[in-house]
N, C-alpha and C. Protein backbone atom coordinates (compact mmCIF):
# COMPACT_ATOMS: atom_id res chain seq x y z
N UNK A 1 0.85 -1.20 0.00
CA UNK A 1 0.00 0.00 0.00
C UNK A 1 0.88 1.23 0.00
N UNK A 2 0.56 2.20 -0.86
CA UNK A 2 1.33 3.42 -0.96
C UNK A 2 1.00 4.36 0.17
N UNK A 3 1.75 5.50 0.10
CA UNK A 3 1.53 6.51 1.15
C UNK A 3 0.10 7.04 1.11
N UNK A 4 -0.45 7.20 -0.11
CA UNK A 4 -1.81 7.73 -0.25
C UNK A 4 -2.82 6.78 0.38
N UNK A 5 -2.61 5.45 0.14
CA UNK A 5 -3.53 4.48 0.71
C UNK A 5 -3.44 4.43 2.22
N UNK A 6 -2.21 4.52 2.72
CA UNK A 6 -2.02 4.51 4.17
C UNK A 6 -2.69 5.71 4.82
N UNK A 7 -2.52 6.88 4.18
CA UNK A 7 -3.12 8.11 4.71
C UNK A 7 -4.63 8.02 4.71
N UNK A 8 -5.19 7.44 3.62
CA UNK A 8 -6.64 7.32 3.53
C UNK A 8 -7.17 6.39 4.61
N UNK A 9 -6.46 5.27 4.82
CA UNK A 9 -6.87 4.32 5.85
C UNK A 9 -6.82 4.95 7.23
N UNK A 10 -5.76 5.74 7.46
CA UNK A 10 -5.62 6.41 8.75
C UNK A 10 -6.75 7.41 8.98
N UNK A 11 -7.06 8.14 7.90
CA UNK A 11 -8.15 9.13 8.00
C UNK A 11 -9.48 8.45 8.28
N UNK A 12 -9.74 7.33 7.57
CA UNK A 12 -10.99 6.60 7.78
C UNK A 12 -11.09 6.06 9.19
N UNK A 13 -9.98 5.53 9.69
CA UNK A 13 -9.97 5.00 11.06
C UNK A 13 -10.21 6.10 12.07
N UNK A 14 -9.61 7.27 11.81
CA UNK A 14 -9.80 8.39 12.73
C UNK A 14 -11.24 8.85 12.75
N UNK A 15 -11.85 8.89 11.53
CA UNK A 15 -13.26 9.29 11.46
C UNK A 15 -14.14 8.30 12.20
N UNK A 16 -13.82 7.00 12.04
CA UNK A 16 -14.61 5.97 12.72
C UNK A 16 -14.48 6.10 14.22
N UNK A 17 -13.27 6.39 14.69
CA UNK A 17 -13.05 6.56 16.12
C UNK A 17 -13.82 7.76 16.65
N UNK A 18 -13.82 8.84 15.86
CA UNK A 18 -14.53 10.06 16.28
C UNK A 18 -16.03 9.82 16.33
N UNK A 19 -16.55 9.11 15.30
CA UNK A 19 -17.98 8.83 15.28
C UNK A 19 -18.39 7.95 16.45
N UNK A 20 -17.52 7.00 16.81
CA UNK A 20 -17.82 6.13 17.95
C UNK A 20 -17.77 6.88 19.25
N UNK A 21 -16.89 7.88 19.32
CA UNK A 21 -16.74 8.63 20.56
C UNK A 21 -17.91 9.56 20.81
N UNK A 22 -18.54 10.06 19.75
CA UNK A 22 -19.62 11.02 19.92
C UNK A 22 -20.82 10.44 20.67
N UNK A 23 -21.33 9.25 20.30
CA UNK A 23 -22.44 8.69 21.09
C UNK A 23 -22.06 8.45 22.54
N UNK A 24 -20.81 7.99 22.78
CA UNK A 24 -20.38 7.76 24.15
C UNK A 24 -20.36 9.06 24.94
N UNK A 25 -19.90 10.12 24.29
CA UNK A 25 -19.86 11.43 24.96
C UNK A 25 -21.26 11.91 25.29
N UNK A 26 -22.18 11.70 24.35
CA UNK A 26 -23.56 12.11 24.62
C UNK A 26 -24.18 11.29 25.76
N UNK A 27 -23.89 9.99 25.77
CA UNK A 27 -24.41 9.13 26.83
C UNK A 27 -23.83 9.53 28.18
N UNK A 28 -22.52 9.84 28.21
CA UNK A 28 -21.88 10.28 29.45
C UNK A 28 -22.50 11.59 29.92
N UNK A 29 -22.77 12.50 28.99
CA UNK A 29 -23.36 13.79 29.35
C UNK A 29 -24.76 13.59 29.92
N UNK A 30 -25.54 12.68 29.32
CA UNK A 30 -26.89 12.41 29.81
C UNK A 30 -26.86 11.81 31.21
N UNK A 31 -25.90 10.89 31.42
CA UNK A 31 -25.77 10.29 32.76
C UNK A 31 -25.36 11.34 33.79
N UNK A 32 -24.44 12.20 33.42
CA UNK A 32 -24.01 13.25 34.34
C UNK A 32 -25.17 14.17 34.68
N UNK A 33 -25.96 14.52 33.68
CA UNK A 33 -27.09 15.41 33.92
C UNK A 33 -28.08 14.78 34.89
N UNK A 34 -28.38 13.48 34.70
CA UNK A 34 -29.32 12.82 35.59
C UNK A 34 -28.76 12.72 37.00
N UNK A 35 -27.45 12.44 37.12
CA UNK A 35 -26.85 12.38 38.45
C UNK A 35 -26.94 13.72 39.16
N UNK A 36 -26.74 14.79 38.41
CA UNK A 36 -26.84 16.14 38.99
C UNK A 36 -28.27 16.40 39.45
N UNK A 37 -29.25 16.04 38.64
CA UNK A 37 -30.65 16.28 38.99
C UNK A 37 -31.06 15.49 40.23
N UNK A 38 -30.62 14.25 40.31
CA UNK A 38 -30.94 13.43 41.48
C UNK A 38 -30.30 14.00 42.74
N UNK A 39 -29.02 14.37 42.62
CA UNK A 39 -28.33 14.95 43.78
C UNK A 39 -28.96 16.28 44.18
N UNK A 40 -29.34 17.08 43.20
CA UNK A 40 -29.97 18.37 43.49
C UNK A 40 -31.32 18.17 44.15
N UNK A 41 -32.09 17.20 43.68
CA UNK A 41 -33.38 16.94 44.30
C UNK A 41 -33.22 16.60 45.77
N UNK A 42 -32.27 15.71 46.06
CA UNK A 42 -32.06 15.33 47.46
C UNK A 42 -31.58 16.52 48.29
N UNK A 43 -30.72 17.33 47.72
CA UNK A 43 -30.21 18.50 48.44
C UNK A 43 -31.32 19.51 48.68
N UNK A 44 -32.18 19.72 47.67
CA UNK A 44 -33.28 20.66 47.82
C UNK A 44 -34.30 20.16 48.84
N UNK A 45 -34.50 18.85 48.89
CA UNK A 45 -35.42 18.27 49.87
C UNK A 45 -34.94 18.58 51.28
N UNK A 46 -33.65 18.43 51.51
CA UNK A 46 -33.09 18.60 52.86
C UNK A 46 -32.87 20.07 53.19
N UNK A 47 -32.33 20.84 52.24
CA UNK A 47 -31.88 22.20 52.54
C UNK A 47 -32.64 23.30 51.80
N UNK A 48 -33.61 22.93 50.96
CA UNK A 48 -34.33 23.93 50.21
C UNK A 48 -33.56 24.35 48.96
N UNK A 49 -34.12 25.31 48.23
CA UNK A 49 -33.55 25.71 46.96
C UNK A 49 -32.24 26.46 47.10
N UNK A 50 -31.85 26.81 48.33
CA UNK A 50 -30.58 27.50 48.56
C UNK A 50 -29.44 26.54 48.86
N UNK A 51 -29.66 25.25 48.64
CA UNK A 51 -28.61 24.25 48.91
C UNK A 51 -27.34 24.58 48.13
N UNK A 52 -26.22 24.20 48.69
CA UNK A 52 -24.92 24.50 48.08
C UNK A 52 -24.75 23.77 46.75
N UNK A 53 -24.44 24.53 45.71
CA UNK A 53 -24.21 23.92 44.40
C UNK A 53 -22.92 23.11 44.40
N UNK A 54 -21.94 23.55 45.17
CA UNK A 54 -20.69 22.79 45.29
C UNK A 54 -20.97 21.41 45.89
N UNK A 55 -21.83 21.37 46.90
CA UNK A 55 -22.16 20.11 47.54
C UNK A 55 -22.96 19.22 46.59
N UNK A 56 -23.83 19.82 45.82
CA UNK A 56 -24.60 19.05 44.84
C UNK A 56 -23.67 18.40 43.82
N UNK A 57 -22.70 19.17 43.32
CA UNK A 57 -21.74 18.62 42.37
C UNK A 57 -20.96 17.47 43.00
N UNK A 58 -20.55 17.65 44.27
CA UNK A 58 -19.78 16.60 44.95
C UNK A 58 -20.62 15.33 45.10
N UNK A 59 -21.88 15.49 45.53
CA UNK A 59 -22.74 14.32 45.71
C UNK A 59 -23.04 13.63 44.37
N UNK A 60 -23.07 14.40 43.30
CA UNK A 60 -23.33 13.83 41.97
C UNK A 60 -22.10 13.16 41.39
N UNK A 61 -20.93 13.41 42.01
CA UNK A 61 -19.70 12.82 41.49
C UNK A 61 -19.18 13.49 40.24
N UNK A 62 -19.49 14.79 40.11
CA UNK A 62 -19.00 15.54 38.95
C UNK A 62 -18.31 16.81 39.45
N UNK A 63 -17.58 17.44 38.56
CA UNK A 63 -16.93 18.69 38.90
C UNK A 63 -17.89 19.86 38.77
N UNK A 64 -17.53 20.97 39.38
CA UNK A 64 -18.38 22.16 39.30
C UNK A 64 -18.57 22.61 37.86
N UNK A 65 -17.52 22.47 37.05
CA UNK A 65 -17.62 22.89 35.65
C UNK A 65 -18.68 22.08 34.91
N UNK A 66 -18.77 20.79 35.22
CA UNK A 66 -19.77 19.93 34.59
C UNK A 66 -21.17 20.36 34.99
N UNK A 67 -21.34 20.67 36.28
CA UNK A 67 -22.66 21.13 36.74
C UNK A 67 -23.08 22.40 36.00
N UNK A 68 -22.16 23.37 35.94
CA UNK A 68 -22.51 24.65 35.30
C UNK A 68 -22.64 24.53 33.78
N UNK A 69 -22.02 23.51 33.21
CA UNK A 69 -22.18 23.29 31.77
C UNK A 69 -23.62 22.85 31.47
N UNK A 70 -24.19 22.06 32.37
CA UNK A 70 -25.57 21.61 32.18
C UNK A 70 -26.58 22.65 32.69
N UNK A 71 -26.24 23.32 33.79
CA UNK A 71 -27.15 24.28 34.42
C UNK A 71 -26.36 25.54 34.75
N UNK A 72 -26.45 26.56 33.91
CA UNK A 72 -25.60 27.75 34.04
C UNK A 72 -25.76 28.50 35.37
N UNK A 73 -26.96 28.41 35.99
CA UNK A 73 -27.16 29.11 37.26
C UNK A 73 -28.16 28.33 38.11
N UNK A 74 -28.39 28.82 39.32
CA UNK A 74 -29.28 28.13 40.26
C UNK A 74 -30.70 28.02 39.71
N UNK A 75 -31.19 29.09 39.09
CA UNK A 75 -32.56 29.05 38.56
C UNK A 75 -32.72 27.95 37.52
N UNK A 76 -31.70 27.79 36.69
CA UNK A 76 -31.76 26.73 35.67
C UNK A 76 -31.79 25.36 36.31
N UNK A 77 -31.04 25.18 37.40
CA UNK A 77 -31.02 23.89 38.10
C UNK A 77 -32.36 23.63 38.78
N UNK A 78 -32.92 24.65 39.43
CA UNK A 78 -34.23 24.50 40.07
C UNK A 78 -35.27 24.10 39.03
N UNK A 79 -35.26 24.78 37.90
CA UNK A 79 -36.20 24.47 36.82
C UNK A 79 -35.99 23.04 36.35
N UNK A 80 -34.74 22.65 36.20
CA UNK A 80 -34.44 21.29 35.75
C UNK A 80 -34.95 20.24 36.71
N UNK A 81 -34.79 20.49 38.01
CA UNK A 81 -35.25 19.52 39.02
C UNK A 81 -36.77 19.42 39.02
N UNK A 82 -37.45 20.55 38.93
CA UNK A 82 -38.91 20.53 38.90
C UNK A 82 -39.41 19.75 37.68
N UNK A 83 -38.82 20.00 36.52
CA UNK A 83 -39.20 19.26 35.31
C UNK A 83 -38.91 17.77 35.47
N UNK A 84 -37.77 17.46 36.06
CA UNK A 84 -37.34 16.07 36.24
C UNK A 84 -38.31 15.32 37.14
N UNK A 85 -38.65 15.91 38.28
CA UNK A 85 -39.55 15.26 39.23
C UNK A 85 -40.95 15.14 38.67
N UNK A 86 -41.43 16.21 38.02
CA UNK A 86 -42.77 16.17 37.43
C UNK A 86 -42.85 15.07 36.37
N UNK A 87 -41.81 14.94 35.57
CA UNK A 87 -41.78 13.87 34.57
C UNK A 87 -41.80 12.50 35.19
N UNK A 88 -41.06 12.32 36.29
CA UNK A 88 -41.03 11.04 36.99
C UNK A 88 -42.41 10.69 37.54
N UNK A 89 -43.09 11.68 38.12
CA UNK A 89 -44.42 11.44 38.67
C UNK A 89 -45.40 11.07 37.57
N UNK A 90 -45.33 11.77 36.45
CA UNK A 90 -46.20 11.44 35.32
C UNK A 90 -45.93 10.03 34.81
N UNK A 91 -44.67 9.64 34.75
CA UNK A 91 -44.32 8.28 34.32
C UNK A 91 -44.92 7.24 35.27
N UNK A 92 -44.89 7.56 36.57
CA UNK A 92 -45.48 6.65 37.57
C UNK A 92 -46.98 6.50 37.31
N UNK A 93 -47.64 7.60 36.97
CA UNK A 93 -49.07 7.55 36.71
C UNK A 93 -49.37 6.70 35.47
N UNK A 94 -48.60 6.87 34.42
CA UNK A 94 -48.82 6.09 33.20
C UNK A 94 -48.61 4.60 33.47
N UNK A 95 -47.62 4.28 34.27
CA UNK A 95 -47.37 2.88 34.60
C UNK A 95 -48.50 2.32 35.45
N UNK A 96 -49.00 3.14 36.37
CA UNK A 96 -50.09 2.69 37.25
C UNK A 96 -51.35 2.40 36.45
N UNK A 97 -51.61 3.17 35.42
CA UNK A 97 -52.82 2.99 34.62
C UNK A 97 -52.87 1.62 33.94
N UNK A 98 -51.74 0.95 33.84
CA UNK A 98 -51.70 -0.36 33.20
C UNK A 98 -52.16 -1.47 34.15
N UNK A 99 -52.29 -1.18 35.44
CA UNK A 99 -52.70 -2.20 36.40
C UNK A 99 -54.19 -2.50 36.22
N UNK A 100 -54.57 -3.76 36.44
CA UNK A 100 -55.95 -4.18 36.22
C UNK A 100 -56.89 -3.63 37.28
N UNK A 101 -56.48 -3.70 38.54
CA UNK A 101 -57.34 -3.23 39.64
C UNK A 101 -57.24 -1.72 39.76
N UNK A 102 -58.37 -1.03 39.71
CA UNK A 102 -58.34 0.43 39.68
C UNK A 102 -57.83 1.05 40.98
N UNK A 103 -58.16 0.43 42.12
CA UNK A 103 -57.66 1.01 43.37
C UNK A 103 -56.17 0.74 43.54
N UNK A 104 -55.72 -0.43 43.14
CA UNK A 104 -54.29 -0.72 43.19
C UNK A 104 -53.52 0.20 42.26
N UNK A 105 -54.15 0.58 41.14
CA UNK A 105 -53.51 1.53 40.23
C UNK A 105 -53.34 2.88 40.91
N UNK A 106 -54.38 3.34 41.60
CA UNK A 106 -54.29 4.61 42.32
C UNK A 106 -53.27 4.52 43.45
N UNK A 107 -53.26 3.39 44.14
CA UNK A 107 -52.28 3.19 45.21
C UNK A 107 -50.85 3.25 44.67
N UNK A 108 -50.62 2.61 43.54
CA UNK A 108 -49.27 2.61 42.95
C UNK A 108 -48.83 4.02 42.59
N UNK A 109 -49.75 4.80 42.04
CA UNK A 109 -49.41 6.18 41.69
C UNK A 109 -49.11 7.00 42.93
N UNK A 110 -49.96 6.94 43.93
CA UNK A 110 -49.77 7.75 45.14
C UNK A 110 -48.45 7.38 45.82
N UNK A 111 -48.19 6.11 45.96
CA UNK A 111 -46.94 5.68 46.60
C UNK A 111 -45.73 6.09 45.76
N UNK A 112 -45.85 5.92 44.45
CA UNK A 112 -44.74 6.28 43.58
C UNK A 112 -44.44 7.76 43.62
N UNK A 113 -45.50 8.58 43.59
CA UNK A 113 -45.31 10.03 43.65
C UNK A 113 -44.73 10.44 44.99
N UNK A 114 -45.15 9.76 46.06
CA UNK A 114 -44.60 10.06 47.38
C UNK A 114 -43.12 9.74 47.44
N UNK A 115 -42.71 8.67 46.79
CA UNK A 115 -41.29 8.32 46.77
C UNK A 115 -40.46 9.39 46.08
N UNK A 116 -41.07 10.08 45.11
CA UNK A 116 -40.36 11.18 44.46
C UNK A 116 -40.32 12.42 45.35
N UNK A 117 -41.08 12.40 46.44
CA UNK A 117 -41.13 13.50 47.41
C UNK A 117 -41.41 14.84 46.72
N UNK A 118 -42.37 14.80 45.84
CA UNK A 118 -42.69 15.99 45.05
C UNK A 118 -43.11 17.15 45.94
N UNK A 119 -43.77 16.86 47.06
CA UNK A 119 -44.20 17.93 47.94
C UNK A 119 -43.06 18.70 48.55
N UNK A 120 -41.93 18.05 48.74
CA UNK A 120 -40.78 18.72 49.32
C UNK A 120 -40.20 19.77 48.38
N UNK A 121 -40.59 19.71 47.09
CA UNK A 121 -40.08 20.67 46.12
C UNK A 121 -41.01 21.87 45.95
N UNK A 122 -42.15 21.85 46.64
CA UNK A 122 -43.09 22.97 46.48
C UNK A 122 -42.46 24.33 46.77
N UNK A 123 -41.63 24.48 47.83
CA UNK A 123 -41.03 25.80 48.07
C UNK A 123 -40.18 26.31 46.92
N UNK A 124 -39.69 25.39 46.07
CA UNK A 124 -38.87 25.81 44.94
C UNK A 124 -39.69 26.55 43.90
N UNK A 125 -41.02 26.39 43.94
CA UNK A 125 -41.87 27.02 42.94
C UNK A 125 -42.14 28.49 43.26
N UNK A 126 -41.63 28.95 44.40
CA UNK A 126 -41.81 30.36 44.74
C UNK A 126 -40.57 31.13 44.30
N UNK A 127 -40.57 32.41 44.56
CA UNK A 127 -39.42 33.22 44.23
C UNK A 127 -39.29 33.43 42.74
N UNK A 128 -38.09 33.16 42.21
CA UNK A 128 -37.81 33.47 40.81
C UNK A 128 -38.32 32.43 39.83
N UNK A 129 -38.87 31.32 40.32
CA UNK A 129 -39.32 30.28 39.40
C UNK A 129 -40.64 30.67 38.78
N UNK A 130 -40.75 30.52 37.49
CA UNK A 130 -41.96 30.91 36.76
C UNK A 130 -42.82 29.68 36.48
N UNK A 131 -43.89 29.45 37.26
CA UNK A 131 -44.73 28.27 37.05
C UNK A 131 -45.54 28.33 35.77
N UNK A 132 -45.57 29.50 35.12
CA UNK A 132 -46.32 29.61 33.86
C UNK A 132 -45.46 29.28 32.65
N UNK A 133 -44.23 28.86 32.89
CA UNK A 133 -43.35 28.44 31.79
C UNK A 133 -44.03 27.34 30.99
N UNK A 134 -44.04 27.44 29.66
CA UNK A 134 -44.78 26.45 28.84
C UNK A 134 -44.39 25.01 29.11
N UNK A 135 -43.09 24.75 29.30
CA UNK A 135 -42.65 23.38 29.56
C UNK A 135 -43.17 22.90 30.91
N UNK A 136 -43.14 23.79 31.90
CA UNK A 136 -43.64 23.45 33.23
C UNK A 136 -45.14 23.18 33.18
N UNK A 137 -45.88 24.03 32.46
CA UNK A 137 -47.32 23.86 32.36
C UNK A 137 -47.69 22.55 31.68
N UNK A 138 -46.96 22.22 30.63
CA UNK A 138 -47.23 20.97 29.91
C UNK A 138 -47.03 19.76 30.81
N UNK A 139 -45.91 19.77 31.56
CA UNK A 139 -45.63 18.64 32.46
C UNK A 139 -46.66 18.56 33.57
N UNK A 140 -47.04 19.70 34.11
CA UNK A 140 -48.04 19.73 35.19
C UNK A 140 -49.38 19.21 34.70
N UNK A 141 -49.80 19.65 33.52
CA UNK A 141 -51.09 19.21 33.00
C UNK A 141 -51.08 17.71 32.71
N UNK A 142 -49.93 17.19 32.32
CA UNK A 142 -49.82 15.75 32.09
C UNK A 142 -50.06 14.99 33.39
N UNK A 143 -49.46 15.45 34.49
CA UNK A 143 -49.65 14.81 35.79
C UNK A 143 -51.12 14.90 36.21
N UNK A 144 -51.68 16.09 36.09
CA UNK A 144 -53.06 16.31 36.53
C UNK A 144 -54.04 15.45 35.75
N UNK A 145 -53.85 15.37 34.44
CA UNK A 145 -54.77 14.59 33.60
C UNK A 145 -54.67 13.11 33.91
N UNK A 146 -53.45 12.60 34.07
CA UNK A 146 -53.27 11.18 34.37
C UNK A 146 -53.83 10.84 35.75
N UNK A 147 -53.60 11.71 36.72
CA UNK A 147 -54.13 11.47 38.06
C UNK A 147 -55.66 11.47 38.04
N UNK A 148 -56.23 12.37 37.26
CA UNK A 148 -57.68 12.42 37.14
C UNK A 148 -58.22 11.13 36.51
N UNK A 149 -57.52 10.62 35.51
CA UNK A 149 -57.93 9.36 34.88
C UNK A 149 -57.94 8.22 35.91
N UNK A 150 -56.92 8.17 36.76
CA UNK A 150 -56.82 7.12 37.77
C UNK A 150 -57.97 7.21 38.77
N UNK A 151 -58.28 8.42 39.21
CA UNK A 151 -59.34 8.61 40.20
C UNK A 151 -60.70 8.29 39.60
N UNK A 152 -60.98 8.80 38.42
CA UNK A 152 -62.29 8.58 37.81
C UNK A 152 -62.51 7.11 37.47
N UNK A 153 -61.45 6.43 37.09
CA UNK A 153 -61.58 4.99 36.82
C UNK A 153 -61.98 4.25 38.09
N UNK A 154 -61.35 4.58 39.22
CA UNK A 154 -61.71 3.94 40.48
C UNK A 154 -63.12 4.28 40.92
N UNK A 155 -63.54 5.51 40.65
CA UNK A 155 -64.91 5.91 41.01
C UNK A 155 -65.94 5.18 40.16
N UNK A 156 -65.66 5.03 38.87
CA UNK A 156 -66.61 4.31 38.00
C UNK A 156 -66.78 2.87 38.43
N UNK A 157 -65.72 2.28 38.96
CA UNK A 157 -65.76 0.88 39.38
C UNK A 157 -66.21 0.72 40.83
N UNK A 158 -66.54 1.83 41.48
CA UNK A 158 -67.05 1.77 42.84
C UNK A 158 -65.99 1.47 43.89
N UNK A 159 -64.74 1.74 43.59
CA UNK A 159 -63.66 1.44 44.53
C UNK A 159 -63.07 2.68 45.19
N UNK A 160 -63.35 3.84 44.62
CA UNK A 160 -62.86 5.11 45.17
C UNK A 160 -64.08 5.96 45.51
N UNK A 161 -64.08 6.58 46.68
CA UNK A 161 -65.22 7.39 47.10
C UNK A 161 -65.48 8.50 46.09
N UNK A 162 -66.74 8.83 45.92
CA UNK A 162 -67.12 9.75 44.85
C UNK A 162 -67.13 11.21 45.27
N UNK A 163 -66.89 11.48 46.55
CA UNK A 163 -66.91 12.87 47.01
C UNK A 163 -65.53 13.52 47.03
N UNK A 164 -64.59 12.96 46.27
CA UNK A 164 -63.25 13.54 46.15
C UNK A 164 -62.93 13.74 44.67
N UNK A 165 -61.94 14.59 44.43
CA UNK A 165 -61.51 14.83 43.05
C UNK A 165 -59.99 14.92 43.02
N UNK A 166 -59.46 15.13 41.84
CA UNK A 166 -58.01 15.08 41.66
C UNK A 166 -57.29 16.11 42.53
N UNK A 167 -57.90 17.27 42.73
CA UNK A 167 -57.26 18.28 43.57
C UNK A 167 -57.05 17.81 44.99
N UNK A 168 -58.03 17.06 45.53
CA UNK A 168 -57.89 16.52 46.88
C UNK A 168 -56.66 15.62 46.98
N UNK A 169 -56.47 14.78 45.97
CA UNK A 169 -55.36 13.83 46.00
C UNK A 169 -54.02 14.54 45.84
N UNK A 170 -53.93 15.47 44.90
CA UNK A 170 -52.65 16.13 44.64
C UNK A 170 -52.24 17.05 45.79
N UNK A 171 -53.20 17.77 46.36
CA UNK A 171 -52.87 18.64 47.49
C UNK A 171 -52.45 17.82 48.70
N UNK A 172 -53.20 16.75 49.00
CA UNK A 172 -52.85 15.90 50.13
C UNK A 172 -51.48 15.26 49.93
N UNK A 173 -51.22 14.82 48.70
CA UNK A 173 -49.93 14.21 48.40
C UNK A 173 -48.79 15.19 48.61
N UNK A 174 -48.98 16.44 48.20
CA UNK A 174 -47.96 17.46 48.41
C UNK A 174 -47.71 17.70 49.89
N UNK A 175 -48.79 17.74 50.67
CA UNK A 175 -48.65 17.99 52.10
C UNK A 175 -47.99 16.82 52.81
N UNK A 176 -48.36 15.61 52.42
CA UNK A 176 -47.83 14.42 53.09
C UNK A 176 -46.34 14.21 52.83
N UNK A 177 -45.85 14.73 51.72
CA UNK A 177 -44.45 14.47 51.35
C UNK A 177 -43.55 15.67 51.59
N UNK A 178 -44.05 16.68 52.29
CA UNK A 178 -43.20 17.82 52.63
C UNK A 178 -42.58 17.60 54.00
N UNK A 179 -41.31 17.87 54.16
CA UNK A 179 -40.67 17.67 55.47
C UNK A 179 -41.16 18.69 56.48
N UNK A 180 -41.23 18.25 57.73
CA UNK A 180 -41.58 19.17 58.79
C UNK A 180 -40.42 20.10 59.09
N UNK A 181 -40.67 21.35 59.45
CA UNK A 181 -39.58 22.28 59.77
C UNK A 181 -38.71 21.74 60.89
N UNK A 182 -37.41 21.79 60.67
CA UNK A 182 -36.47 21.37 61.70
C UNK A 182 -36.18 19.89 61.74
N UNK A 183 -36.82 19.11 60.88
CA UNK A 183 -36.58 17.66 60.87
C UNK A 183 -35.95 17.26 59.55
N UNK A 184 -34.94 16.39 59.62
CA UNK A 184 -34.31 15.89 58.41
C UNK A 184 -35.27 14.97 57.68
N UNK A 185 -35.37 15.11 56.38
CA UNK A 185 -36.33 14.32 55.59
C UNK A 185 -36.11 12.82 55.76
N UNK A 186 -34.85 12.42 55.84
CA UNK A 186 -34.57 10.99 55.90
C UNK A 186 -35.11 10.38 57.19
N UNK A 187 -35.28 11.17 58.23
CA UNK A 187 -35.79 10.67 59.49
C UNK A 187 -37.30 10.50 59.47
N UNK A 188 -38.00 11.20 58.61
CA UNK A 188 -39.46 11.15 58.63
C UNK A 188 -40.04 10.34 57.48
N UNK A 189 -39.20 9.78 56.62
CA UNK A 189 -39.72 9.02 55.50
C UNK A 189 -40.58 7.85 55.96
N UNK A 190 -40.16 7.20 57.04
CA UNK A 190 -40.93 6.05 57.51
C UNK A 190 -42.32 6.48 57.97
N UNK A 191 -42.44 7.70 58.51
CA UNK A 191 -43.75 8.20 58.91
C UNK A 191 -44.58 8.58 57.68
N UNK A 192 -43.92 9.13 56.69
CA UNK A 192 -44.64 9.52 55.46
C UNK A 192 -45.29 8.30 54.82
N UNK A 193 -44.60 7.17 54.82
CA UNK A 193 -45.17 5.94 54.25
C UNK A 193 -46.43 5.53 54.99
N UNK A 194 -46.41 5.64 56.32
CA UNK A 194 -47.59 5.29 57.12
C UNK A 194 -48.73 6.26 56.83
N UNK A 195 -48.41 7.54 56.74
CA UNK A 195 -49.44 8.54 56.52
C UNK A 195 -50.05 8.43 55.13
N UNK A 196 -49.23 8.07 54.15
CA UNK A 196 -49.75 7.84 52.79
C UNK A 196 -50.73 6.67 52.80
N UNK A 197 -50.41 5.61 53.55
CA UNK A 197 -51.32 4.48 53.62
C UNK A 197 -52.63 4.86 54.33
N UNK A 198 -52.55 5.65 55.39
CA UNK A 198 -53.75 6.14 56.05
C UNK A 198 -54.62 6.94 55.07
N UNK A 199 -53.96 7.76 54.27
CA UNK A 199 -54.67 8.56 53.27
C UNK A 199 -55.35 7.67 52.25
N UNK A 200 -54.63 6.64 51.78
CA UNK A 200 -55.22 5.72 50.79
C UNK A 200 -56.43 5.00 51.37
N UNK A 201 -56.34 4.59 52.63
CA UNK A 201 -57.49 3.93 53.26
C UNK A 201 -58.70 4.85 53.27
N UNK A 202 -58.46 6.15 53.43
CA UNK A 202 -59.56 7.10 53.44
C UNK A 202 -60.18 7.34 52.08
N UNK A 203 -59.49 6.95 51.01
CA UNK A 203 -60.02 7.14 49.66
C UNK A 203 -60.95 6.00 49.23
N UNK A 204 -60.92 4.90 49.95
CA UNK A 204 -61.70 3.74 49.55
C UNK A 204 -63.21 3.99 49.64
N UNK A 205 -63.92 3.37 48.73
CA UNK A 205 -65.37 3.34 48.79
C UNK A 205 -65.80 2.03 49.44
N UNK A 206 -66.88 2.02 50.22
CA UNK A 206 -67.75 3.18 50.49
C UNK A 206 -67.12 4.12 51.51
N UNK A 207 -67.46 5.40 51.39
CA UNK A 207 -66.93 6.40 52.32
C UNK A 207 -67.50 6.16 53.71
N UNK A 208 -66.63 6.27 54.72
CA UNK A 208 -67.06 6.03 56.09
C UNK A 208 -67.32 7.33 56.85
N UNK A 209 -67.23 8.45 56.14
CA UNK A 209 -67.50 9.74 56.77
C UNK A 209 -67.95 10.72 55.69
N UNK A 210 -68.50 11.83 56.13
CA UNK A 210 -68.91 12.88 55.20
C UNK A 210 -67.88 13.99 55.23
N UNK A 211 -67.34 14.33 54.07
CA UNK A 211 -66.30 15.35 54.00
C UNK A 211 -66.92 16.74 54.02
N UNK A 212 -66.28 17.69 54.72
CA UNK A 212 -66.77 19.06 54.70
C UNK A 212 -66.43 19.73 53.37
N UNK A 213 -67.19 20.73 52.99
CA UNK A 213 -66.89 21.48 51.77
C UNK A 213 -67.18 20.69 50.52
N UNK A 214 -66.48 21.09 49.45
CA UNK A 214 -66.70 20.48 48.14
C UNK A 214 -65.41 19.80 47.66
N UNK A 215 -65.57 18.85 46.74
CA UNK A 215 -64.41 18.18 46.15
C UNK A 215 -63.54 19.20 45.42
N UNK A 216 -62.23 19.03 45.53
CA UNK A 216 -61.28 19.94 44.87
C UNK A 216 -61.07 19.47 43.44
N UNK A 217 -61.79 20.11 42.52
CA UNK A 217 -61.69 19.73 41.12
C UNK A 217 -60.40 20.26 40.51
N UNK A 218 -60.12 19.78 39.30
CA UNK A 218 -58.94 20.25 38.58
C UNK A 218 -59.04 21.74 38.29
N UNK A 219 -60.22 22.19 37.96
CA UNK A 219 -60.42 23.62 37.66
C UNK A 219 -60.18 24.47 38.90
N UNK A 220 -60.68 24.01 40.05
CA UNK A 220 -60.48 24.75 41.29
C UNK A 220 -59.01 24.80 41.67
N UNK A 221 -58.33 23.68 41.44
CA UNK A 221 -56.90 23.61 41.78
C UNK A 221 -56.11 24.60 40.93
N UNK A 222 -56.43 24.69 39.65
CA UNK A 222 -55.70 25.60 38.76
C UNK A 222 -56.00 27.07 39.11
N UNK A 223 -57.22 27.35 39.57
CA UNK A 223 -57.57 28.71 39.92
C UNK A 223 -56.82 29.20 41.15
N UNK A 224 -56.37 28.25 41.97
CA UNK A 224 -55.63 28.61 43.19
C UNK A 224 -54.21 29.00 42.88
N UNK A 225 -53.74 28.74 41.67
CA UNK A 225 -52.33 28.99 41.33
C UNK A 225 -52.24 30.14 40.33
């Protein structure tokens, strides 16, 4: 093989190596981003939205430069975590809808959403975070619609009490999964699991008590925000 052939082969090999490296780099970047989001979620749960970004990077196992490459500032990271958690909760709802028993489907969703501790992120929605952001609204409406489907399915089958609506479930879920002031979240998780089960027992039909006021519909919930 002449010099021209050798050069061409070398160039082709280099291009192949570069093409192979690009998917790996993208996969590594995606993994790093998810690790950052998970670490940030845990940090925000414990310390609120003012948690140390340096500590988040350390817990994620990445450098500060990597964190800032994915999230240029704190607001971007807060937004990313809210989108991440909302997406996880919606995924839990879609998975729950596949279950045959309608009450077990609702139970799976409630427990799954509680595990994401979505209520602990509610304080992040104040301040500089814009809840009217189109991406945020789309994700929120996806959760609300799926949760409504789960509740109405259970009501049609006579397994979920009929005097409640999706707003009752989502508000209660947010309250049940928010940490108490002055207590570390990891210490109260075992209580949250018990309280979620108590809440689920209260959703069963037939209702054993009369609820005050009116059911919190999706429309009423949106008007409050």
